[in-house]
Amino acid sequence: MSFSAFDYLEVPLAGQQHSEKWRWWTWGTYMFLHGSPVHLLCCTVAMTSIFRLLVPAFGAARVVTAWALSGVGAAAITTHVEVYRHGDAVRRGEGTAIVLREVQLPTGEVAVRQVLTADPAYKAMFASNMGSSAGLMGLMSVVAIAMPQTTWGLLFLPMEVPSRTIFAGLLAFDAAGVAGVIPDLGIGHLGHLSGAAVGALLYALWLRRLPASRHLWRLRRSGGYW
């Protein structure tokens, strides 16, 4: 199941009783849903590449845990940021409107229906969040910090690119999306940035203290591996 920040409010919408209570478990289940086969394929390819790097160093259980915590943390941050920004306005009934749209019925007839739509400024409040990319951004933080000289090949480039360069580019892209500099592409930019922040925090507070991290650090200083 996906989630939206509006689900967290548990308030009536457009005169209708918001009967369903906030489903706390959706902060985890949303990571297993994807909007399209292309979305799923991209996340699967990225997950395979990242897991191949991190699992030999930290172990599968720790990597999966870091991915899950990054995704859940991103959901929590995204929800609370949107509630902080627009929660009071939505409680006052702002941010939505009812418009008339023509809908084709199974019989072939065309009927006019009332459709609830969100104001563009409040779109993120009502958007359904889904996908594993927030958790993957958390793992990319770990790769960028612990394995900075790792390189990745991209389909549209003839050479491999350092992981930190790719990660910095993704952060810049998501920051531009949050700031509204680029057009709305239906991407959860805030979730990506939140996942990256949680991943960096997990590394600083947890993974960095493991023997594997100290081993990687010695290899980096000796110049013999990364």
Protein backbone atom coordinates (compact mmCIF):
# COMPACT_ATOMS: atom_id res chain seq x y z
CA MET A 1 0.00 0.00 0.00
CA SER A 2 1.16 3.51 -0.77
CA PHE A 3 0.73 6.53 1.51
CA SER A 4 0.13 10.23 1.24
CA ALA A 5 0.77 12.98 3.74
CA PHE A 6 -2.97 13.67 3.79
CA ASP A 7 -3.62 10.23 5.27
CA TYR A 8 -1.74 11.36 8.35
CA LEU A 9 -4.19 14.19 9.05
CA GLU A 10 -7.33 12.04 9.49
CA VAL A 11 -9.57 15.00 8.62
CA PRO A 12 -12.75 15.29 6.51
CA LEU A 13 -12.21 16.17 2.86
CA ALA A 14 -14.68 18.12 0.72
CA GLY A 15 -17.50 17.50 3.17
CA GLN A 16 -16.89 13.75 3.33
CA GLN A 17 -15.86 11.95 6.49
CA HIS A 18 -12.28 10.72 6.25
CA SER A 19 -13.22 7.36 7.71
CA GLU A 20 -9.96 5.45 7.26
CA LYS A 21 -7.45 5.95 10.06
CA TRP A 22 -3.82 6.58 9.29
CA ARG A 23 -2.24 3.30 8.22
CA TRP A 24 1.16 3.42 9.89
CA TRP A 25 2.37 0.30 8.12
CA THR A 26 2.20 2.03 4.74
CA TRP A 27 5.48 3.77 5.62
CA GLY A 28 7.03 0.36 4.96
CA THR A 29 4.78 -1.26 2.37
CA TYR A 30 5.06 1.66 -0.05
CA MET A 31 8.62 0.58 -0.82
CA PHE A 32 7.35 -2.59 -2.49
CA LEU A 33 4.98 -0.77 -4.87
CA HIS A 34 6.04 0.92 -8.11
CA GLY A 35 4.19 3.15 -10.50
CA SER A 36 5.11 1.35 -13.73
CA PRO A 37 7.25 -1.51 -15.09
CA VAL A 38 9.93 1.04 -16.03
CA HIS A 39 9.96 2.37 -12.45
CA LEU A 40 10.32 -1.17 -11.12
CA LEU A 41 13.07 -2.03 -13.62
CA CYS A 42 15.13 1.07 -12.78
CA CYS A 43 14.89 0.41 -9.05
CA THR A 44 15.75 -3.27 -9.52
CA VAL A 45 18.86 -2.49 -11.57
CA ALA A 46 19.99 0.12 -9.04
CA MET A 47 19.33 -2.20 -6.10
CA THR A 48 21.30 -5.03 -7.71
CA SER A 49 24.30 -2.78 -8.33
CA ILE A 50 24.29 -1.26 -4.85
CA PHE A 51 23.75 -4.55 -3.02
CA ARG A 52 26.68 -6.12 -4.89
CA LEU A 53 28.91 -3.42 -3.43
CA LEU A 54 27.64 -3.28 0.13
CA VAL A 55 26.70 -6.87 0.97
CA PRO A 56 30.28 -8.27 0.82
CA ALA A 57 31.42 -5.51 3.19
CA PHE A 58 28.56 -5.21 5.67
CA GLY A 59 26.47 -8.36 5.21
CA ALA A 60 23.04 -8.84 3.67
CA ALA A 61 21.08 -8.36 6.91
CA ARG A 62 22.67 -4.99 7.68
CA VAL A 63 22.27 -3.72 4.12
CA VAL A 64 18.59 -4.71 3.97
CA THR A 65 18.04 -3.11 7.38
CA ALA A 66 19.72 0.11 6.25
CA TRP A 67 17.58 0.14 3.10
CA ALA A 68 14.37 -0.40 5.07
CA LEU A 69 15.20 2.20 7.72
CA SER A 70 16.12 4.74 5.05
CA GLY A 71 12.78 4.17 3.32
CA VAL A 72 10.75 4.37 6.52
CA GLY A 73 12.69 7.43 7.66
CA ALA A 74 12.09 9.11 4.30
CA ALA A 75 8.36 8.44 4.58
CA ALA A 76 8.25 9.91 8.08
CA ILE A 77 10.20 13.02 7.10
CA THR A 78 8.19 13.57 3.92
CA THR A 79 4.90 13.24 5.76
CA HIS A 80 5.84 15.60 8.57
CA VAL A 81 7.31 18.21 6.21
CA GLU A 82 4.14 18.28 4.10
CA VAL A 83 1.91 18.38 7.18
CA TYR A 84 4.00 21.25 8.55
CA ARG A 85 3.77 23.15 5.25
CA HIS A 86 0.13 22.57 4.33
CA GLY A 87 -1.58 20.73 7.19
CA ASP A 88 -3.36 23.72 8.70
CA ALA A 89 -4.54 24.93 5.29
CA VAL A 90 -5.94 21.51 4.38
CA ARG A 91 -7.72 21.30 7.74
CA ARG A 92 -9.40 24.59 6.83
CA GLY A 93 -10.61 23.05 3.58
CA GLU A 94 -8.04 24.66 1.31
CA GLY A 95 -5.98 22.95 -1.35
CA THR A 96 -8.76 21.01 -3.06
CA ALA A 97 -11.53 21.75 -5.50
CA ILE A 98 -14.37 19.83 -7.13
CA VAL A 99 -14.46 20.03 -10.92
CA LEU A 100 -16.86 18.58 -13.47
CA ARG A 101 -15.44 16.03 -15.89
CA GLU A 102 -16.94 13.91 -18.61
CA VAL A 103 -16.58 10.19 -17.95
CA GLN A 104 -17.36 7.47 -20.47
CA LEU A 105 -19.48 4.70 -18.98
CA PRO A 106 -19.14 1.00 -19.88
CA THR A 107 -22.32 1.36 -21.93
CA GLY A 108 -20.62 3.94 -24.14
CA GLU A 109 -22.62 6.84 -22.77
CA VAL A 110 -20.87 9.95 -21.49
CA ALA A 111 -21.73 11.18 -18.01
CA VAL A 112 -20.63 14.26 -16.09
CA ARG A 113 -19.08 13.47 -12.72
CA GLN A 114 -17.77 15.55 -9.87
CA VAL A 115 -14.06 14.89 -9.44
CA LEU A 116 -11.98 16.01 -6.48
CA THR A 117 -8.70 17.60 -7.57
CA ALA A 118 -5.78 19.06 -5.65
CA ASP A 119 -4.45 22.55 -6.15
CA PRO A 120 -0.99 22.36 -7.82
CA ALA A 121 0.61 24.01 -4.79
CA TYR A 122 -0.77 21.24 -2.57
CA LYS A 123 -0.13 18.34 -4.95
CA ALA A 124 2.59 16.75 -2.81
CA MET A 125 0.19 16.67 0.14
CA PHE A 126 -2.18 14.31 -1.65
CA ALA A 127 0.27 12.42 -3.88
CA SER A 128 0.56 8.67 -3.39
CA ASN A 129 4.15 7.85 -2.51
CA MET A 130 5.54 4.52 -3.71
CA GLY A 131 8.80 2.92 -4.73
CA SER A 132 12.05 1.66 -3.24
CA SER A 133 14.13 4.61 -4.45
CA ALA A 134 14.13 6.48 -1.11
CA GLY A 135 15.75 3.48 0.56
CA LEU A 136 18.17 3.16 -2.34
CA MET A 137 19.20 6.78 -1.92
CA GLY A 138 20.07 5.92 1.67
CA LEU A 139 22.33 3.11 0.48
CA MET A 140 23.89 5.39 -2.12
CA SER A 141 24.84 7.71 0.73
CA VAL A 142 26.70 4.82 2.34
CA VAL A 143 28.48 3.98 -0.93
CA ALA A 144 29.46 7.62 -1.51
CA ILE A 145 30.88 7.92 2.01
CA ALA A 146 32.46 4.50 2.53
CA MET A 147 33.49 3.69 -1.06
CA PRO A 148 34.11 7.07 -2.75
CA GLN A 149 36.31 5.71 -5.54
CA THR A 150 33.74 3.17 -6.72
CA THR A 151 32.61 3.77 -10.30
CA TRP A 152 29.38 2.88 -12.07
CA GLY A 153 28.62 2.47 -15.73
CA LEU A 154 25.60 4.26 -17.16
CA LEU A 155 23.78 3.16 -20.29
CA PHE A 156 23.95 6.57 -21.96
CA LEU A 157 27.65 7.25 -21.23
CA PRO A 158 30.66 5.50 -22.81
CA MET A 159 32.69 5.64 -19.59
CA GLU A 160 32.25 4.79 -15.92
CA VAL A 161 31.46 7.60 -13.49
CA PRO A 162 32.57 7.86 -9.82
CA SER A 163 29.80 7.00 -7.39
CA ARG A 164 30.15 10.35 -5.61
CA THR A 165 29.66 12.21 -8.89
CA ILE A 166 26.49 10.28 -9.67
CA PHE A 167 25.21 10.74 -6.14
CA ALA A 168 25.93 14.48 -6.20
CA GLY A 169 24.10 14.77 -9.51
CA LEU A 170 21.06 12.98 -8.10
CA LEU A 171 21.05 15.21 -5.02
CA ALA A 172 21.23 18.32 -7.20
CA PHE A 173 18.40 17.02 -9.40
CA ASP A 174 16.19 16.29 -6.39
CA ALA A 175 17.03 19.62 -4.75
CA ALA A 176 16.00 21.38 -7.96
CA GLY A 177 12.76 19.40 -7.95
CA VAL A 178 11.96 20.36 -4.36
CA ALA A 179 12.72 24.02 -5.14
CA GLY A 180 10.44 23.91 -8.18
CA VAL A 181 13.23 24.81 -10.59
CA ILE A 182 12.45 21.88 -12.90
CA PRO A 183 9.01 20.77 -14.14
CA ASP A 184 6.95 18.35 -12.08
CA LEU A 185 7.80 14.86 -13.35
CA GLY A 186 5.89 12.94 -10.71
CA ILE A 187 9.09 12.10 -8.82
CA GLY A 188 9.26 12.11 -5.02
CA HIS A 189 12.21 14.49 -4.78
CA LEU A 190 11.70 15.21 -1.08
CA GLY A 191 11.57 11.49 -0.34
CA HIS A 192 14.85 10.95 -2.19
CA LEU A 193 16.61 13.70 -0.25
CA SER A 194 15.16 12.43 3.02
CA GLY A 195 16.29 8.88 2.29
CA ALA A 196 19.80 10.10 1.49
CA ALA A 197 19.93 12.02 4.77
CA VAL A 198 18.75 9.01 6.78
CA GLY A 199 21.32 6.80 5.04
CA ALA A 200 24.13 9.19 5.92
CA LEU A 201 22.90 9.27 9.52
CA LEU A 202 22.77 5.46 9.69
CA TYR A 203 26.35 5.28 8.46
CA ALA A 204 27.55 7.86 10.96
CA LEU A 205 25.78 6.31 13.95
CA TRP A 206 25.93 2.62 13.08
CA LEU A 207 27.75 1.28 10.01
CA ARG A 208 30.83 3.43 10.52
CA ARG A 209 31.47 1.75 13.87
CA LEU A 210 31.55 -1.77 12.42
CA PRO A 211 34.84 -3.59 11.77
CA ALA A 212 34.04 -3.62 8.04
CA SER A 213 34.12 0.18 7.92
CA ARG A 214 37.49 0.31 9.64
CA HIS A 215 38.81 -2.24 7.15
CA LEU A 216 37.54 -0.16 4.22
CA TRP A 217 39.14 2.92 5.71
CA ARG A 218 42.53 1.18 5.99
CA LEU A 219 42.27 0.01 2.39
CA ARG A 220 41.47 3.52 1.19
CA ARG A 221 44.41 5.01 3.08
CA SER A 222 46.80 2.41 1.70
CA GLY A 223 45.49 2.97 -1.82
CA GLY A 224 45.19 -0.73 -2.37
CA TYR A 225 41.49 -1.15 -3.06
CA TRP A 226 39.25 1.93 -3.43
